[in-house]
Protein backbone atom coordinates (compact mmCIF):
# COMPACT_ATOMS: atom_id res chain seq x y z
CA MET A 1 0.02 0.00 0.11
CA SER A 2 1.17 3.59 -0.67
CA GLY A 3 2.11 6.19 2.00
CA ILE A 4 3.02 9.75 2.44
CA SER A 5 7.05 10.32 1.44
CA LYS A 6 9.44 12.55 3.33
CA ASN A 7 9.65 14.43 -0.10
CA THR A 8 5.85 15.28 0.22
CA LEU A 9 6.27 16.61 3.65
CA GLN A 10 9.41 18.60 2.84
CA PHE A 11 7.58 20.08 0.23
CA LEU A 12 4.76 21.13 2.32
CA LYS A 13 7.22 22.65 4.78
CA ASP A 14 9.07 24.60 2.11
CA LEU A 15 5.32 26.19 0.89
CA ALA A 16 4.69 27.03 4.62
CA LYS A 17 8.11 29.12 4.55
CA ASN A 18 7.42 30.38 0.77
CA ASN A 19 3.93 30.82 0.46
CA ASN A 20 3.76 32.92 -2.69
CA ARG A 21 3.14 32.56 -6.34
CA GLU A 22 6.67 33.15 -7.69
CA TRP A 23 8.01 30.43 -5.50
CA PHE A 24 4.99 28.04 -6.33
CA ALA A 25 5.71 28.38 -9.97
CA LYS A 26 9.25 27.36 -9.54
CA ASN A 27 8.23 24.51 -7.64
CA LYS A 28 5.23 23.43 -9.66
CA GLY A 29 6.82 20.19 -10.44
CA ARG A 30 7.37 19.34 -6.86
CA TYR A 31 3.76 20.13 -6.19
CA GLU A 32 2.53 17.97 -9.10
CA GLU A 33 4.48 15.04 -7.52
CA ALA A 34 3.43 15.40 -4.28
CA LYS A 35 -0.24 15.98 -5.23
CA ALA A 36 -0.04 12.86 -7.35
CA GLU A 37 1.23 10.83 -4.51
CA PHE A 38 -1.50 11.78 -2.12
CA GLU A 39 -4.02 11.05 -4.77
CA ILE A 40 -2.94 7.68 -4.84
CA PHE A 41 -2.76 7.32 -1.06
CA VAL A 42 -6.33 8.47 -0.80
CA THR A 43 -7.48 6.05 -3.50
CA ASP A 44 -5.75 3.18 -1.44
CA LEU A 45 -7.36 4.38 1.48
CA LEU A 46 -10.68 4.53 0.29
CA LYS A 47 -10.44 0.93 -0.93
CA GLN A 48 -9.66 -0.03 2.62
CA ILE A 49 -12.24 1.98 4.27
CA ALA A 50 -14.90 0.21 1.85
CA LYS A 51 -14.17 -3.09 3.46
CA PHE A 52 -16.00 -1.91 6.50
CA ASP A 53 -17.95 1.31 5.08
CA SER A 54 -19.73 0.62 1.88
CA LYS A 55 -20.11 4.27 1.27
CA ALA A 56 -16.61 4.62 0.21
CA ALA A 57 -16.67 1.92 -2.33
CA ASN A 58 -17.63 4.37 -5.03
CA LEU A 59 -15.88 7.46 -4.20
CA ASP A 60 -13.51 9.16 -6.58
CA ALA A 61 -10.26 10.54 -4.77
CA LYS A 62 -9.86 13.44 -7.11
CA LYS A 63 -13.29 14.60 -5.88
CA CYS A 64 -12.40 14.03 -2.34
CA ILE A 65 -9.27 16.35 -2.22
CA PHE A 66 -9.69 19.81 -1.46
CA ARG A 67 -7.83 22.21 -3.69
CA ILE A 68 -4.35 23.55 -2.38
CA TYR A 69 -5.47 27.08 -3.77
CA ARG A 70 -6.92 29.35 -0.97
CA ASP A 71 -9.95 31.57 -1.29
CA THR A 72 -8.71 34.93 0.08
CA ARG A 73 -11.83 36.94 -0.66
CA PHE A 74 -12.97 37.16 2.73
CA SER A 75 -9.80 36.25 4.74
CA LYS A 76 -7.46 38.34 6.36
CA ASP A 77 -4.66 35.83 5.54
CA LYS A 78 -3.96 36.51 1.86
CA SER A 79 -1.37 33.61 1.44
CA PRO A 80 -2.19 31.90 -1.74
CA TYR A 81 -1.78 28.50 -0.84
CA LYS A 82 -2.97 25.72 1.73
CA PRO A 83 0.44 24.59 3.72
CA ASN A 84 -1.32 20.81 3.62
CA PHE A 85 -3.05 18.21 1.64
CA GLY A 86 -6.68 17.77 2.79
CA ALA A 87 -9.54 15.23 1.64
CA TYR A 88 -13.02 14.71 2.85
CA LEU A 89 -13.72 11.03 2.36
CA ALA A 90 -17.75 10.87 2.09
CA ASP A 91 -20.63 9.90 -0.11
CA LYS A 92 -21.20 13.57 -0.67
CA ALA A 93 -17.68 14.99 -1.08
CA THR A 94 -18.80 18.36 -1.78
CA GLN A 95 -21.17 18.69 0.62
CA VAL A 96 -19.43 18.77 3.89
CA HIS A 97 -22.38 19.77 6.11
CA ASP A 98 -25.04 16.94 5.51
CA SER A 99 -23.44 13.68 6.45
CA ALA A 100 -20.85 12.37 8.63
CA ALA A 101 -17.70 11.33 7.28
CA TYR A 102 -13.96 10.71 7.52
CA TYR A 103 -11.08 13.70 6.81
CA ILE A 104 -7.52 13.34 6.49
CA HIS A 105 -5.30 16.36 6.92
CA ILE A 106 -1.47 16.01 5.86
CA GLU A 107 0.73 19.07 7.22
CA PRO A 108 4.25 18.68 8.70
CA GLY A 109 3.92 18.53 12.59
CA LYS A 110 0.10 19.05 12.27
CA SER A 111 -1.27 16.05 10.65
CA PHE A 112 -4.34 14.36 12.02
CA LEU A 113 -7.35 11.98 11.03
CA ALA A 114 -10.89 13.14 11.79
CA GLY A 115 -14.60 12.28 11.54
CA GLY A 116 -17.83 13.20 12.53
CA ALA A 117 -20.34 16.00 11.83
CA TYR A 118 -18.47 19.44 11.18
CA GLU A 119 -20.76 22.26 11.77
CA PRO A 120 -24.13 20.30 10.54
CA GLN A 121 -26.74 22.73 9.37
CA ALA A 122 -29.90 23.44 11.21
CA PRO A 123 -32.17 20.63 10.31
CA TRP A 124 -29.38 17.89 10.62
CA ILE A 125 -28.16 19.27 14.26
CA ASN A 126 -31.79 19.50 15.51
CA LYS A 127 -32.23 15.67 14.59
CA ILE A 128 -28.76 14.89 16.06
CA ARG A 129 -29.75 16.33 19.51
CA GLN A 130 -32.99 14.64 19.51
CA GLU A 131 -31.38 11.69 18.75
CA ILE A 132 -28.97 12.18 21.42
CA ASP A 133 -31.77 12.78 23.86
CA TYR A 134 -33.73 9.99 22.83
CA ASN A 135 -30.99 7.51 22.83
CA THR A 136 -28.51 8.87 25.44
CA LYS A 137 -27.54 5.43 26.52
CA ASP A 138 -26.44 4.23 23.01
CA PHE A 139 -24.64 7.76 22.40
CA LYS A 140 -22.68 7.48 25.92
CA LYS A 141 -21.77 3.91 24.93
CA ILE A 142 -20.02 4.86 21.77
CA ILE A 143 -18.14 8.00 23.04
CA ASN A 144 -17.09 6.16 26.26
CA ALA A 145 -15.98 2.96 24.64
CA ALA A 146 -12.31 1.90 25.57
CA SER A 147 -11.12 2.15 21.77
CA PHE A 148 -12.85 5.66 21.50
CA LYS A 149 -11.06 7.06 24.45
CA LYS A 150 -7.64 5.54 23.71
CA ASN A 151 -7.89 6.96 19.86
CA PHE A 152 -9.54 10.40 20.46
CA GLY A 153 -9.82 11.04 24.15
CA GLU A 154 -13.07 13.02 24.18
CA LEU A 155 -15.60 14.36 21.62
CA SER A 156 -14.47 17.31 19.90
CA GLY A 157 -16.16 20.43 18.55
CA GLU A 158 -17.26 23.94 19.37
CA LYS A 159 -19.99 24.39 21.98
CA LEU A 160 -22.98 26.74 22.46
CA LYS A 161 -22.90 28.93 25.61
CA THR A 162 -26.44 28.81 25.75
CA VAL A 163 -28.94 26.13 26.08
CA PRO A 164 -30.25 24.54 22.68
CA LYS A 165 -33.85 25.59 21.75
CA GLY A 166 -36.35 23.07 22.99
CA TYR A 167 -34.41 21.73 26.06
CA ALA A 168 -34.46 22.55 29.63
CA LYS A 169 -31.56 24.65 31.36
CA ASP A 170 -31.44 21.55 33.85
CA HIS A 171 -31.15 18.86 31.18
CA PRO A 172 -29.11 16.01 32.37
CA GLU A 173 -27.25 15.64 29.20
CA LEU A 174 -26.85 19.58 28.56
CA SER A 175 -23.18 19.48 28.20
CA LEU A 176 -23.56 17.05 25.17
CA LEU A 177 -26.67 18.72 23.49
CA GLN A 178 -24.61 21.92 23.31
CA TYR A 179 -22.01 20.53 20.79
CA LYS A 180 -22.25 22.53 17.49
CA SER A 181 -19.92 19.85 15.99
CA PHE A 182 -19.59 16.22 16.83
CA LEU A 183 -15.89 15.50 15.96
CA MET A 184 -13.38 12.76 16.50
CA MET A 185 -9.65 13.93 16.34
CA HIS A 186 -6.61 11.71 16.26
CA GLN A 187 -3.13 13.55 15.89
CA CYS A 188 -0.41 11.82 13.83
CA ASP A 189 3.26 12.79 14.19
CA ASP A 190 5.37 12.94 10.80
CA LYS A 191 6.97 9.36 11.64
CA THR A 192 3.54 8.04 11.62
CA VAL A 193 2.59 9.52 8.60
CA MET A 194 5.70 8.58 6.50
CA ALA A 195 5.47 4.64 7.96
CA GLU A 196 5.02 1.92 5.26
CA ASP A 197 2.13 0.92 7.19
CA PHE A 198 0.44 4.59 7.38
CA THR A 199 -2.63 3.27 5.17
CA LYS A 200 -3.43 0.41 7.38
CA TYR A 201 -2.95 2.50 10.60
CA ALA A 202 -5.42 5.37 9.22
CA THR A 203 -7.89 2.67 8.24
CA GLY A 204 -7.65 1.20 11.60
CA ILE A 205 -8.54 4.52 13.16
CA TYR A 206 -11.23 5.39 10.73
CA LYS A 207 -12.89 2.13 11.64
CA THR A 208 -12.95 3.04 15.26
CA MET A 209 -14.76 6.15 13.91
CA LYS A 210 -17.65 4.41 12.20
CA PRO A 211 -20.12 3.80 15.26
CA LEU A 212 -20.33 7.64 15.89
CA ASN A 213 -20.64 8.36 12.14
CA ASP A 214 -23.42 5.87 11.80
CA PHE A 215 -25.18 7.35 15.08
CA LEU A 216 -24.99 10.76 13.12
CA ASN A 217 -26.18 9.83 9.75
CA MET A 218 -28.84 7.59 11.37
CA ALA A 219 -30.06 10.92 12.93
CA ALA A 220 -30.13 12.60 9.75
CA GLU A 221 -32.38 10.06 7.87
């Protein structure tokens, strides 16, 4: 199985230090090589994920990978490129707010694997909160499982500072209902990313994410 090479991480590291169009143009060949390697990696990763999650079976790696070019129109940061490679692995890869999925982020010293629901839109997050309220026991069983704790620690995501509409201030599970995103995060150091078995490693982490993804997607149905 393919992996992420030292050359790819070095390119991203150099890009972070030289985030301008002139440097990028001179190093376009290095970018193309790194991009091709990441695409092959994601293709292999999807094949492995499909063995336990059929939704990944027909995904096209190219459509899952985010562009390296930044949209600077509404950002104070005007650097033109992202110093990372990222891919959103879902059956609706261009619609990141309506289904729980897997995500991979490759950046020197900052790589991570993630999953869950990122900023779900109002109809979906209302259903998620309702599902947590109705099936608190099942939800807690997932996030308190030993494998979940080992790989992700606690559930991640920004929280409301107020009480969600329709719920009491003294709701016993208020802290869970206040999440605005329901995320699982697993950090990976560069050594792990460059290891020959990184595809296998990442697949194992994603398999651990599936129960929560299933719960979140079930709520959306």
